């Protein structure tokens, strides 16, 4: 295995098998470092009778795979993920549980009386009720900031883990993720919802390389149409854009990942955790 890998579970070699039989073995490994990995080539050979020689080798090509960051335990109530009201005709997200009208259906015993649709009832002569579906969230973004020299690599990895947890939380709540931005590099997420959106975020987080260069924030200038933003950072300056964004009506949720015992920066609505707590699996409450 590579330097950061270790076997979690494995099985021994293949014992005796009948001619033409198929035997399957499985082993599980865990890796610490994010990014692309590969295993060294290996060969499979038949052990001939008496164990004195082996048959011709079957070479196995190098398997390649991607190691994603640890998914932190990020939690939030339904009201926390409700976006501010739309301003200047911008779209806004809605709280989980709010609905939109999509049609009508015949009345069934137990249907809410307040959902009766009078016009369809009058036209058809049979009682009908409204049908609603959950309103999906619009213009939701995740911004990850970990550039510069202020934070250690452990804290930056904690930022990646929390961002992965945020993506998993949004997907589990049925919300859509429009984009994921890491140190100024923005990637659109398509599709916006479901496991495919979560996988796209994890893949992007897995392949990002840290940089010591301090990059100026462009969040305020690029906030047009944005309704909800989750900002995860490792330095105080990463949250300077939160105030102006809130003034524009953007719901801005901020998570600071620092060193154990480090005082968090002063900012409204800031959630504070440290990389060691994230590593231990402690919950981050938005």
Protein backbone atom coordinates (compact mmCIF):
# COMPACT_ATOMS: atom_id res chain seq x y z
CA UNK A 1 0.00 0.00 0.00
CA UNK A 2 1.07 3.66 -0.32
CA UNK A 3 2.58 5.30 2.77
CA UNK A 4 -0.80 6.61 3.98
CA UNK A 5 -2.72 3.35 3.56
CA UNK A 6 -3.37 0.52 5.96
CA UNK A 7 -5.42 -2.62 5.74
CA UNK A 8 -8.63 -2.53 7.77
CA UNK A 9 -9.62 -6.08 6.94
CA UNK A 10 -8.23 -8.70 4.62
CA UNK A 11 -8.42 -12.41 3.83
CA UNK A 12 -5.69 -14.96 3.27
CA UNK A 13 -4.83 -16.59 0.01
CA UNK A 14 -6.93 -18.99 -1.99
CA UNK A 15 -6.97 -22.55 -0.73
CA UNK A 16 -7.77 -25.58 -2.80
CA UNK A 17 -10.49 -25.17 -5.41
CA UNK A 18 -12.09 -27.48 -7.92
CA UNK A 19 -11.20 -27.17 -11.61
CA UNK A 20 -13.18 -24.37 -13.26
CA UNK A 21 -14.40 -22.96 -9.95
CA UNK A 22 -14.41 -19.24 -9.22
CA UNK A 23 -13.02 -17.87 -5.99
CA UNK A 24 -13.44 -14.27 -4.83
CA UNK A 25 -11.40 -12.53 -2.14
CA UNK A 26 -11.93 -9.05 -0.73
CA UNK A 27 -9.85 -6.70 1.42
CA UNK A 28 -10.58 -3.24 2.79
CA UNK A 29 -8.02 -0.48 3.15
CA UNK A 30 -8.16 3.05 4.50
CA UNK A 31 -6.07 6.01 3.32
CA UNK A 32 -5.22 9.27 5.04
CA UNK A 33 -4.17 11.61 2.25
CA UNK A 34 -6.69 13.15 -0.12
CA UNK A 35 -6.22 12.88 -3.87
CA UNK A 36 -5.38 10.37 -6.55
CA UNK A 37 -3.81 7.08 -5.44
CA UNK A 38 -2.62 3.92 -7.11
CA UNK A 39 -1.52 0.47 -6.04
CA UNK A 40 1.60 -1.18 -7.32
CA UNK A 41 1.31 -3.84 -9.98
CA UNK A 42 1.02 -7.38 -8.71
CA UNK A 43 0.81 -10.85 -10.19
CA UNK A 44 -1.29 -13.95 -9.60
CA UNK A 45 0.32 -17.36 -10.11
CA UNK A 46 -0.83 -20.91 -9.70
CA UNK A 47 1.07 -22.90 -7.10
CA UNK A 48 1.89 -26.21 -8.69
CA UNK A 49 1.76 -29.57 -6.84
CA UNK A 50 4.25 -30.04 -4.03
CA UNK A 51 4.73 -26.28 -3.88
CA UNK A 52 8.06 -26.44 -5.65
CA UNK A 53 7.18 -24.23 -8.60
CA UNK A 54 4.51 -21.87 -9.91
CA UNK A 55 2.68 -21.44 -13.16
CA UNK A 56 2.88 -18.48 -15.57
CA UNK A 57 1.98 -15.14 -13.91
CA UNK A 58 -1.13 -13.16 -14.67
CA UNK A 59 -0.15 -9.49 -14.34
CA UNK A 60 -2.70 -7.11 -12.87
CA UNK A 61 -2.61 -3.54 -14.16
CA UNK A 62 -2.22 -0.73 -11.65
CA UNK A 63 -5.56 0.20 -10.06
CA UNK A 64 -6.12 3.94 -9.65
CA UNK A 65 -8.66 5.55 -7.34
CA UNK A 66 -9.52 8.81 -5.61
CA UNK A 67 -9.40 9.30 -1.85
CA UNK A 68 -11.99 11.86 -0.72
CA UNK A 69 -11.79 13.86 2.52
CA UNK A 70 -13.33 12.61 5.73
CA UNK A 71 -17.01 13.65 5.85
CA UNK A 72 -17.44 15.67 9.04
CA UNK A 73 -20.62 15.33 11.11
CA UNK A 74 -22.32 18.63 10.21
CA UNK A 75 -25.83 19.20 11.54
CA UNK A 76 -28.39 21.98 11.26
CA UNK A 77 -32.05 22.59 11.98
CA UNK A 78 -34.48 23.21 9.13
CA UNK A 79 -34.77 26.90 10.04
CA UNK A 80 -31.01 27.37 9.81
CA UNK A 81 -30.99 26.48 6.12
CA UNK A 82 -33.75 28.96 5.25
CA UNK A 83 -32.48 31.73 3.02
CA UNK A 84 -33.24 35.41 3.41
CA UNK A 85 -36.10 36.87 1.43
CA UNK A 86 -35.45 37.63 -2.22
CA UNK A 87 -34.25 41.15 -2.92
CA UNK A 88 -34.00 42.95 -6.24
CA UNK A 89 -35.89 40.07 -7.90
CA UNK A 90 -33.23 37.56 -6.98
CA UNK A 91 -34.33 34.02 -6.30
CA UNK A 92 -34.22 32.76 -2.75
CA UNK A 93 -34.12 29.38 -1.10
CA UNK A 94 -36.97 28.16 1.04
CA UNK A 95 -36.96 26.25 4.26
CA UNK A 96 -37.27 22.50 4.17
CA UNK A 97 -40.94 21.58 4.23
CA UNK A 98 -42.25 24.57 2.27
CA UNK A 99 -44.10 23.52 -0.84
CA UNK A 100 -45.21 24.63 -4.28
CA UNK A 101 -48.47 23.87 -6.10
CA UNK A 102 -48.01 21.37 -8.95
CA UNK A 103 -51.54 20.11 -9.73
CA UNK A 104 -54.74 18.51 -8.45
CA UNK A 105 -55.95 14.98 -7.77
CA UNK A 106 -59.29 13.40 -6.77
CA UNK A 107 -60.20 13.65 -3.10
CA UNK A 108 -59.34 10.61 -0.97
CA UNK A 109 -60.44 9.91 2.60
CA UNK A 110 -58.03 11.69 4.91
CA UNK A 111 -57.08 14.43 2.46
CA UNK A 112 -56.82 17.87 4.16
CA UNK A 113 -60.10 19.76 3.64
CA UNK A 114 -58.26 23.07 3.34
CA UNK A 115 -56.55 21.78 0.18
CA UNK A 116 -59.83 21.41 -1.73
CA UNK A 117 -59.69 22.90 -5.22
CA UNK A 118 -63.05 24.52 -5.88
CA UNK A 119 -62.63 25.19 -9.60
CA UNK A 120 -61.77 21.59 -10.49
CA UNK A 121 -64.59 20.37 -8.23
CA UNK A 122 -67.08 22.63 -10.03
CA UNK A 123 -65.83 21.65 -13.48
CA UNK A 124 -65.79 17.88 -12.94
CA UNK A 125 -68.51 17.47 -10.37
CA UNK A 126 -66.17 15.43 -8.14
CA UNK A 127 -64.13 16.76 -5.19
CA UNK A 128 -60.45 17.42 -5.92
CA UNK A 129 -57.56 18.63 -3.77
CA UNK A 130 -54.34 20.48 -4.49
CA UNK A 131 -51.06 18.56 -4.82
CA UNK A 132 -47.83 20.12 -3.61
CA UNK A 133 -44.19 19.13 -3.83
CA UNK A 134 -41.25 20.22 -1.74
CA UNK A 135 -39.65 23.43 -3.00
CA UNK A 136 -36.03 22.85 -3.87
CA UNK A 137 -33.41 25.34 -2.78
CA UNK A 138 -32.06 27.74 -5.40
CA UNK A 139 -28.73 29.56 -5.62
CA UNK A 140 -26.97 27.71 -2.82
CA UNK A 141 -23.17 27.78 -2.80
CA UNK A 142 -20.36 26.33 -0.73
CA UNK A 143 -17.19 28.43 -0.48
CA UNK A 144 -14.01 26.94 0.98
CA UNK A 145 -11.09 29.20 1.94
CA UNK A 146 -7.77 27.75 3.09
CA UNK A 147 -5.10 29.70 1.21
CA UNK A 148 -2.25 31.53 2.90
CA UNK A 149 0.11 30.74 5.73
CA UNK A 150 -2.15 31.53 8.72
CA UNK A 151 -3.36 27.96 9.23
CA UNK A 152 -1.57 24.65 9.58
CA UNK A 153 -2.09 21.85 7.10
CA UNK A 154 -4.11 19.98 9.75
CA UNK A 155 -6.52 22.92 10.02
CA UNK A 156 -6.80 23.13 6.25
CA UNK A 157 -7.61 19.43 6.06
CA UNK A 158 -10.25 20.08 8.73
CA UNK A 159 -11.73 22.74 6.46
CA UNK A 160 -11.98 20.19 3.65
CA UNK A 161 -13.64 17.69 5.97
CA UNK A 162 -16.21 20.23 7.18
CA UNK A 163 -16.94 21.29 3.59
CA UNK A 164 -17.58 17.63 2.71
CA UNK A 165 -19.94 17.42 5.68
CA UNK A 166 -21.79 20.55 4.53
CA UNK A 167 -22.28 19.06 1.06
CA UNK A 168 -23.59 15.82 2.58
CA UNK A 169 -25.98 17.80 4.83
CA UNK A 170 -27.41 19.87 1.98
CA UNK A 171 -27.97 16.79 -0.16
CA UNK A 172 -29.63 14.92 2.72
CA UNK A 173 -32.03 17.84 3.20
CA UNK A 174 -33.02 17.78 -0.45
CA UNK A 175 -31.37 21.12 -1.20
CA UNK A 176 -29.54 21.81 -4.44
CA UNK A 177 -25.88 22.88 -4.60
CA UNK A 178 -25.22 25.34 -7.40
CA UNK A 179 -21.46 25.66 -7.05
CA UNK A 180 -18.45 24.77 -4.96
CA UNK A 181 -15.69 27.37 -4.78
CA UNK A 182 -12.26 26.59 -3.30
CA UNK A 183 -9.76 29.43 -2.90
CA UNK A 184 -11.40 31.42 -5.68
CA UNK A 185 -11.76 28.53 -8.12
CA UNK A 186 -15.46 28.00 -8.72
CA UNK A 187 -16.94 24.82 -10.16
CA UNK A 188 -20.59 24.42 -11.09
CA UNK A 189 -22.29 21.34 -9.62
CA UNK A 190 -24.44 19.45 -12.10
CA UNK A 191 -26.78 17.83 -11.30
CA UNK A 192 -27.52 20.03 -8.31
CA UNK A 193 -29.19 17.43 -6.11
CA UNK A 194 -28.83 13.84 -4.96
CA UNK A 195 -25.84 11.58 -4.56
CA UNK A 196 -24.34 12.77 -7.85
CA UNK A 197 -24.07 16.32 -6.47
CA UNK A 198 -22.47 15.02 -3.29
CA UNK A 199 -19.96 12.93 -5.26
CA UNK A 200 -19.07 15.90 -7.46
CA UNK A 201 -18.31 18.01 -4.37
CA UNK A 202 -16.23 15.24 -2.79
CA UNK A 203 -14.23 14.73 -5.98
CA UNK A 204 -13.49 18.45 -6.22
CA UNK A 205 -12.43 18.63 -2.57
CA UNK A 206 -10.26 15.54 -2.98
CA UNK A 207 -8.16 16.99 -5.80
CA UNK A 208 -7.51 20.48 -4.44
CA UNK A 209 -3.92 21.41 -3.59
CA UNK A 210 -3.20 23.96 -0.87
CA UNK A 211 -1.33 27.14 -1.71
CA UNK A 212 0.57 29.65 0.43
CA UNK A 213 -0.49 32.52 -1.84
CA UNK A 214 -3.06 34.90 -0.35
CA UNK A 215 -5.84 35.44 -2.85
CA UNK A 216 -8.20 38.43 -2.64
CA UNK A 217 -11.85 37.58 -2.08
CA UNK A 218 -14.25 38.12 -4.98
CA UNK A 219 -17.34 36.82 -3.19
CA UNK A 220 -19.12 40.17 -2.94
CA UNK A 221 -18.59 40.94 -6.62
CA UNK A 222 -19.80 37.47 -7.66
CA UNK A 223 -22.78 37.27 -5.31
CA UNK A 224 -25.44 38.26 -7.85
CA UNK A 225 -28.37 35.86 -7.66
CA UNK A 226 -26.98 34.09 -4.61
CA UNK A 227 -29.41 33.35 -1.80
CA UNK A 228 -27.59 30.96 0.54
CA UNK A 229 -23.87 30.61 1.14
CA UNK A 230 -21.98 28.30 3.47
CA UNK A 231 -18.49 29.67 4.03
CA UNK A 232 -15.83 27.42 5.59
CA UNK A 233 -12.43 28.96 6.32
CA UNK A 234 -9.27 28.66 8.36
CA UNK A 235 -8.34 32.34 8.85
CA UNK A 236 -10.09 35.48 10.07
CA UNK A 237 -9.79 37.27 6.72
CA UNK A 238 -11.75 34.52 5.02
CA UNK A 239 -14.94 35.80 6.67
CA UNK A 240 -14.60 39.51 5.82
CA UNK A 241 -17.11 39.16 2.97
CA UNK A 242 -19.83 37.74 5.24
CA UNK A 243 -21.04 41.15 6.43
CA UNK A 244 -21.50 42.71 2.96
CA UNK A 245 -23.17 39.54 1.72
CA UNK A 246 -25.70 39.61 4.55
CA UNK A 247 -26.45 43.26 3.73
CA UNK A 248 -27.39 42.08 0.25
CA UNK A 249 -29.89 39.62 1.70
CA UNK A 250 -27.74 36.52 1.39
CA UNK A 251 -28.03 33.96 4.16
CA UNK A 252 -24.36 33.43 5.06
CA UNK A 253 -23.43 30.54 7.36
CA UNK A 254 -19.79 30.66 8.49
CA UNK A 255 -17.67 27.87 9.97
CA UNK A 256 -14.16 28.58 11.27
CA UNK A 257 -11.78 25.63 11.61
CA UNK A 258 -8.79 26.49 13.77
CA UNK A 259 -6.22 25.02 16.10
CA UNK A 260 -7.24 23.36 19.39
CA UNK A 261 -7.67 26.13 21.98
CA UNK A 262 -7.44 28.92 19.40
CA UNK A 263 -9.83 31.85 19.86
CA UNK A 264 -12.17 32.23 16.88
CA UNK A 265 -12.35 35.50 14.91
CA UNK A 266 -15.07 37.98 15.78
CA UNK A 267 -17.89 37.66 13.24
CA UNK A 268 -21.67 37.49 13.38
CA UNK A 269 -23.13 34.00 13.33
CA UNK A 270 -19.73 32.31 13.25
CA UNK A 271 -19.52 28.62 14.18
CA UNK A 272 -16.17 27.60 15.68
CA UNK A 273 -14.51 24.21 15.73
CA UNK A 274 -10.96 22.87 15.52
CA UNK A 275 -9.33 20.26 13.34
CA UNK A 276 -8.78 17.83 16.18
CA UNK A 277 -12.49 17.88 17.08
CA UNK A 278 -13.34 17.24 13.43
CA UNK A 279 -10.86 14.37 13.36
CA UNK A 280 -12.50 12.87 16.45
CA UNK A 281 -15.88 12.98 14.73
CA UNK A 282 -17.50 15.61 16.95
CA UNK A 283 -20.59 17.25 15.48
CA UNK A 284 -20.46 20.73 13.94
CA UNK A 285 -23.73 22.55 14.63
CA UNK A 286 -24.66 25.27 12.14
